[in-house]
N, C-alpha and C. Protein backbone atom coordinates (compact mmCIF):
# COMPACT_ATOMS: atom_id res chain seq x y z
N UNK A 1 -5.85 12.78 5.02
CA UNK A 1 -6.15 12.64 4.26
C UNK A 1 -5.47 11.35 5.14
N UNK A 2 -6.07 10.16 6.52
CA UNK A 2 -6.13 9.68 7.15
C UNK A 2 -4.32 8.23 7.24
N UNK A 3 -5.03 8.62 5.75
CA UNK A 3 -3.98 7.15 5.93
C UNK A 3 -2.95 7.47 4.75
N UNK A 4 -2.27 8.17 3.94
CA UNK A 4 -0.79 8.58 4.17
C UNK A 4 -0.59 9.21 4.54
N UNK A 5 0.60 9.00 5.06
CA UNK A 5 1.34 10.17 6.44
C UNK A 5 2.71 10.78 5.44
N UNK A 6 2.86 11.99 5.64
CA UNK A 6 3.98 12.79 5.06
C UNK A 6 5.11 12.71 5.51
N UNK A 7 6.23 11.51 6.00
CA UNK A 7 7.56 12.15 6.69
C UNK A 7 8.53 13.05 6.40
N UNK A 8 8.59 13.10 4.40
CA UNK A 8 9.70 14.31 4.38
C UNK A 8 9.55 14.07 3.11
N UNK A 9 10.16 14.97 2.46
CA UNK A 9 9.57 15.75 1.22
C UNK A 9 9.63 14.25 -0.28
N UNK A 10 10.95 13.36 0.25
CA UNK A 10 9.91 12.09 -0.57
C UNK A 10 9.63 11.13 0.09
N UNK A 11 8.83 11.03 1.18
CA UNK A 11 8.77 9.38 2.12
C UNK A 11 8.22 9.78 2.66
N UNK A 12 6.99 8.86 2.82
CA UNK A 12 5.46 8.51 2.68
C UNK A 12 5.15 7.91 3.88
N UNK A 13 4.49 7.07 4.37
CA UNK A 13 4.02 5.68 5.49
C UNK A 13 2.26 5.76 4.85
N UNK A 14 2.43 4.64 4.66
CA UNK A 14 0.72 4.12 4.23
C UNK A 14 0.05 3.04 4.70
N UNK A 15 -0.92 3.65 4.98
CA UNK A 15 -1.73 2.48 6.17
C UNK A 15 -2.27 1.62 5.71
N UNK A 16 -2.58 0.51 5.51
CA UNK A 16 -3.29 -0.44 4.45
C UNK A 16 -4.33 -1.58 4.98
N UNK A 17 -5.64 -1.77 4.73
CA UNK A 17 -6.21 -2.84 4.64
C UNK A 17 -5.90 -3.55 4.32
N UNK A 18 -5.70 -5.10 4.51
CA UNK A 18 -6.14 -6.07 3.44
C UNK A 18 -6.60 -6.82 3.53
N UNK A 19 -7.29 -7.70 2.17
CA UNK A 19 -8.57 -8.98 2.95
C UNK A 19 -7.69 -10.18 1.65
N UNK A 20 -7.13 -10.78 2.24
CA UNK A 20 -6.46 -11.78 1.80
C UNK A 20 -7.36 -12.68 1.14
N UNK A 21 -6.65 -14.18 -0.09
CA UNK A 21 -7.81 -14.53 -0.38
C UNK A 21 -9.93 -14.57 -0.86
N UNK A 22 -8.72 -13.48 -1.36
CA UNK A 22 -10.03 -12.90 -2.01
C UNK A 22 -10.21 -13.24 -3.85
N UNK A 23 -11.02 -13.48 -4.81
CA UNK A 23 -11.05 -14.25 -6.13
C UNK A 23 -10.33 -12.88 -6.76
N UNK A 24 -10.28 -11.80 -6.33
CA UNK A 24 -9.32 -10.69 -7.80
C UNK A 24 -8.58 -9.86 -6.96
N UNK A 25 -7.28 -9.64 -6.88
CA UNK A 25 -6.74 -8.00 -7.12
C UNK A 25 -7.55 -6.32 -7.39
N UNK A 26 -7.41 -6.30 -5.72
CA UNK A 26 -8.44 -4.36 -6.15
C UNK A 26 -7.85 -3.69 -5.25
N UNK A 27 -7.79 -2.65 -5.74
CA UNK A 27 -7.47 -1.32 -4.87
C UNK A 27 -8.64 -0.75 -4.50
N UNK A 28 -9.36 -0.34 -3.35
CA UNK A 28 -10.61 0.87 -3.66
C UNK A 28 -10.00 1.66 -3.08
N UNK A 29 -10.75 2.76 -2.93
CA UNK A 29 -10.83 4.05 -3.73
C UNK A 29 -11.43 4.35 -2.29
N UNK A 30 -10.19 5.37 -1.60
CA UNK A 30 -10.56 5.91 0.07
C UNK A 30 -10.99 6.95 0.27
N UNK A 31 -12.77 6.74 1.00
CA UNK A 31 -12.40 8.34 1.34
C UNK A 31 -12.20 8.96 1.74
N UNK A 32 -12.25 10.11 1.96
CA UNK A 32 -10.96 11.46 2.80
C UNK A 32 -10.67 10.60 4.14
N UNK A 33 -12.21 10.79 5.31
CA UNK A 33 -12.52 10.34 6.80
C UNK A 33 -11.74 8.31 6.82
N UNK A 34 -11.42 7.38 5.68
CA UNK A 34 -10.82 6.63 6.23
C UNK A 34 -9.78 6.10 6.71
N UNK A 35 -9.58 5.64 7.39
CA UNK A 35 -8.01 5.30 8.62
C UNK A 35 -7.74 5.02 7.21
N UNK A 36 -7.29 3.91 6.49
CA UNK A 36 -6.82 2.85 5.70
C UNK A 36 -7.31 2.37 4.16
N UNK A 37 -5.86 2.09 3.25
CA UNK A 37 -6.43 2.26 1.94
C UNK A 37 -6.47 -0.38 2.09
N UNK A 38 -8.17 0.06 1.48
CA UNK A 38 -8.14 -1.06 1.21
C UNK A 38 -7.53 -1.76 0.09
N UNK A 39 -7.03 -3.40 0.74
CA UNK A 39 -6.81 -4.05 -0.71
C UNK A 39 -7.03 -5.19 -0.98
N UNK A 40 -7.90 -5.37 -1.42
CA UNK A 40 -7.99 -6.89 -1.77
C UNK A 40 -7.20 -8.15 -2.59
N UNK A 41 -6.51 -8.64 -2.10
CA UNK A 41 -5.77 -9.86 -2.53
C UNK A 41 -6.33 -11.40 -3.20
N UNK A 42 -4.97 -12.14 -3.83
CA UNK A 42 -5.48 -13.03 -3.89
C UNK A 42 -5.13 -15.22 -3.24
N UNK A 43 -3.77 -14.47 -3.05
CA UNK A 43 -3.11 -15.37 -2.12
C UNK A 43 -4.04 -15.42 -0.83
N UNK A 44 -3.10 -16.20 -0.27
CA UNK A 44 -3.56 -16.62 1.23
C UNK A 44 -2.21 -16.58 2.09
N UNK A 45 -2.41 -15.95 3.45
CA UNK A 45 -2.31 -15.86 4.50
C UNK A 45 -1.05 -16.98 5.45
N UNK A 46 -0.76 -17.66 4.64
CA UNK A 46 0.47 -18.13 4.76
C UNK A 46 1.95 -18.36 3.72
N UNK A 47 2.95 -18.41 4.64
CA UNK A 47 4.32 -18.07 4.22
C UNK A 47 4.64 -16.93 3.47
N UNK A 48 4.01 -15.73 3.87
CA UNK A 48 4.44 -14.35 3.39
C UNK A 48 4.62 -14.00 2.40
N UNK A 49 2.72 -15.10 1.71
CA UNK A 49 2.39 -15.29 0.27
C UNK A 49 1.69 -13.95 0.10
N UNK A 50 1.01 -13.43 0.95
CA UNK A 50 -0.22 -12.08 1.16
C UNK A 50 0.73 -10.85 1.01
N UNK A 51 2.05 -11.11 1.28
CA UNK A 51 2.86 -10.08 1.79
C UNK A 51 3.68 -9.49 0.65
N UNK A 52 4.43 -10.91 0.11
CA UNK A 52 4.92 -10.46 -1.59
C UNK A 52 4.13 -10.28 -2.56
N UNK A 53 2.90 -10.92 -2.42
CA UNK A 53 2.13 -10.10 -3.63
C UNK A 53 1.11 -8.83 -3.41
N UNK A 54 0.91 -8.33 -2.21
CA UNK A 54 1.06 -6.98 -2.21
C UNK A 54 2.24 -5.84 -1.92
N UNK A 55 3.34 -6.25 -2.03
CA UNK A 55 4.68 -5.43 -2.72
C UNK A 55 4.54 -5.42 -4.41
N UNK A 56 4.74 -6.44 -4.73
CA UNK A 56 5.05 -6.68 -6.34
C UNK A 56 2.87 -5.62 -6.91
N UNK A 57 1.92 -5.57 -6.28
CA UNK A 57 0.81 -4.47 -6.29
C UNK A 57 1.15 -3.15 -6.13
N UNK A 58 1.51 -3.20 -5.03
CA UNK A 58 2.59 -1.67 -4.71
C UNK A 58 3.55 -1.30 -5.91
N UNK A 59 4.76 -2.18 -6.22
CA UNK A 59 5.24 -2.05 -6.80
C UNK A 59 5.13 -1.12 -8.43
N UNK A 60 4.54 -2.02 -8.61
CA UNK A 60 3.59 -2.06 -10.08
C UNK A 60 2.55 -0.92 -10.39
N UNK A 61 1.75 -0.51 -9.16
CA UNK A 61 0.67 0.50 -9.31
C UNK A 61 1.36 1.65 -9.01
N UNK A 62 2.85 1.72 -8.08
CA UNK A 62 3.34 3.22 -7.76
C UNK A 62 4.47 3.24 -8.54
N UNK A 63 5.22 2.70 -9.68
CA UNK A 63 5.77 2.98 -10.93
C UNK A 63 7.22 3.11 -10.11
N UNK A 64 6.64 1.88 -9.56
CA UNK A 64 8.08 1.79 -8.54
C UNK A 64 8.95 0.99 -8.16
N UNK A 65 10.35 0.87 -7.79
CA UNK A 65 11.79 -0.19 -7.48
C UNK A 65 10.88 -0.98 -6.40
N UNK A 66 11.37 -2.30 -6.10
CA UNK A 66 10.91 -2.69 -4.79
C UNK A 66 11.22 -2.56 -3.49
N UNK A 67 12.60 -2.27 -3.46
CA UNK A 67 13.33 -1.32 -2.35
C UNK A 67 12.94 -0.41 -2.14
N UNK A 68 12.01 0.26 -2.86
CA UNK A 68 10.76 1.83 -2.69
C UNK A 68 10.21 1.52 -1.03
N UNK A 69 9.90 0.13 -1.30
CA UNK A 69 8.63 0.27 -0.51
C UNK A 69 9.12 -1.20 0.45
N UNK A 70 9.01 -0.67 1.49
CA UNK A 70 8.93 -2.07 2.93
C UNK A 70 7.85 -2.34 3.89
N UNK A 71 7.48 -2.83 4.07
CA UNK A 71 6.15 -2.99 4.87
C UNK A 71 6.98 -2.50 6.18
N UNK A 72 6.76 -1.91 6.86
CA UNK A 72 7.26 -1.62 8.26
C UNK A 72 6.34 -2.33 10.19
N UNK A 73 5.19 -2.38 9.93
CA UNK A 73 4.62 -2.79 10.75
C UNK A 73 3.21 -4.05 9.90
N UNK A 74 2.75 -4.90 11.56
CA UNK A 74 1.73 -5.68 10.10
C UNK A 74 2.21 -6.76 9.31
N UNK A 75 3.23 -7.55 9.95
CA UNK A 75 3.96 -8.40 8.96
C UNK A 75 2.82 -9.47 8.91
N UNK A 76 2.11 -9.96 10.26
CA UNK A 76 1.45 -11.17 10.12
C UNK A 76 -0.40 -10.83 10.80
N UNK A 77 -0.40 -9.50 10.37
CA UNK A 77 -1.56 -8.85 11.04
C UNK A 77 -2.48 -8.09 9.48
N UNK A 78 -4.21 -7.91 9.09
CA UNK A 78 -4.49 -7.53 7.98
C UNK A 78 -4.54 -6.20 8.04
N UNK A 79 -3.71 -5.38 9.54
CA UNK A 79 -3.48 -4.08 8.90
C UNK A 79 -2.31 -3.52 8.39
N UNK A 80 -1.84 -2.99 7.92
CA UNK A 80 -0.35 -2.84 7.39
C UNK A 80 0.73 -1.27 7.83
N UNK A 81 1.34 -0.50 7.94
CA UNK A 81 1.86 0.13 7.53
C UNK A 81 3.28 0.09 6.81
N UNK A 82 3.14 0.37 5.20
CA UNK A 82 4.08 0.64 4.53
C UNK A 82 5.13 1.68 4.07
N UNK A 83 6.22 1.99 4.06
CA UNK A 83 6.81 3.02 4.01
C UNK A 83 7.40 2.78 2.14
N UNK A 84 7.25 4.18 1.91
CA UNK A 84 7.35 3.98 0.40
C UNK A 84 8.76 5.48 0.48
N UNK A 85 9.70 4.95 -0.42
CA UNK A 85 10.40 5.97 -0.71
C UNK A 85 10.17 6.24 -2.26
N UNK A 86 10.81 8.19 -3.03
CA UNK A 86 11.09 8.38 -4.02
C UNK A 86 11.85 9.26 -4.17
N UNK A 87 12.01 9.12 -5.43
CA UNK A 87 13.69 10.27 -6.42
C UNK A 87 12.89 11.29 -6.32
N UNK A 88 11.85 11.19 -6.70
CA UNK A 88 11.23 12.60 -7.55
C UNK A 88 10.02 12.98 -6.34
N UNK A 89 9.29 14.78 -6.18
CA UNK A 89 8.92 14.97 -5.32
C UNK A 89 7.29 14.68 -6.11
N UNK A 90 6.73 14.21 -5.17
CA UNK A 90 5.04 13.15 -4.96
C UNK A 90 4.44 13.87 -3.71
N UNK A 91 2.44 14.28 -4.54
CA UNK A 91 2.14 14.37 -3.27
C UNK A 91 1.62 13.49 -2.65
N UNK A 92 0.39 13.32 -1.76
CA UNK A 92 -0.76 11.89 -0.65
C UNK A 92 -1.76 11.94 -2.30
N UNK A 93 -1.76 13.16 -3.08
CA UNK A 93 -3.12 12.96 -4.05
C UNK A 93 -2.47 12.32 -5.06
N UNK A 94 -1.64 12.07 -5.62
CA UNK A 94 -1.00 11.35 -6.73
C UNK A 94 -0.66 9.98 -6.18
N UNK A 95 -0.58 9.68 -4.60
CA UNK A 95 0.11 8.23 -4.30
C UNK A 95 -1.25 8.07 -4.88
N UNK A 96 -2.55 8.38 -4.42
CA UNK A 96 -4.50 7.89 -4.54
C UNK A 96 -4.53 7.53 -5.61
N UNK A 97 -4.27 8.12 -6.63
CA UNK A 97 -4.58 8.40 -8.12
C UNK A 97 -3.89 7.52 -8.80
N UNK A 98 -2.27 6.95 -8.60
CA UNK A 98 -1.86 5.57 -8.72
C UNK A 98 -2.30 4.09 -9.14
N UNK A 99 -2.60 4.55 -7.32
CA UNK A 99 -3.27 3.54 -7.01
C UNK A 99 -4.14 2.98 -7.20
N UNK A 100 -4.74 3.59 -7.54
CA UNK A 100 -6.34 3.80 -7.51
C UNK A 100 -6.67 4.19 -8.96
N UNK A 101 -6.45 3.50 -10.38
CA UNK A 101 -6.68 3.82 -10.96
C UNK A 101 -6.37 2.55 -11.99
């Protein structure tokens, strides 16, 4: 999985490719060889609206708090890196399953 990197026992970096201004929100199931998880968002990429929508979607899907998820690079790009911290032990496969279900 090139799109999820485990930093420590409960910390991950997830690589995302964002498609803003879509008709609906959708997280596409990635293949093992993919470099990114592709996410469609309804918001326009203006005034941080797409980033806020992304964080809310990730919070809902990953069942975590907003303070556990941070955009660490790509604030103004379609390719973003997100750091996620968990309180319990979780695997990369669990993250993909939570995102795509």
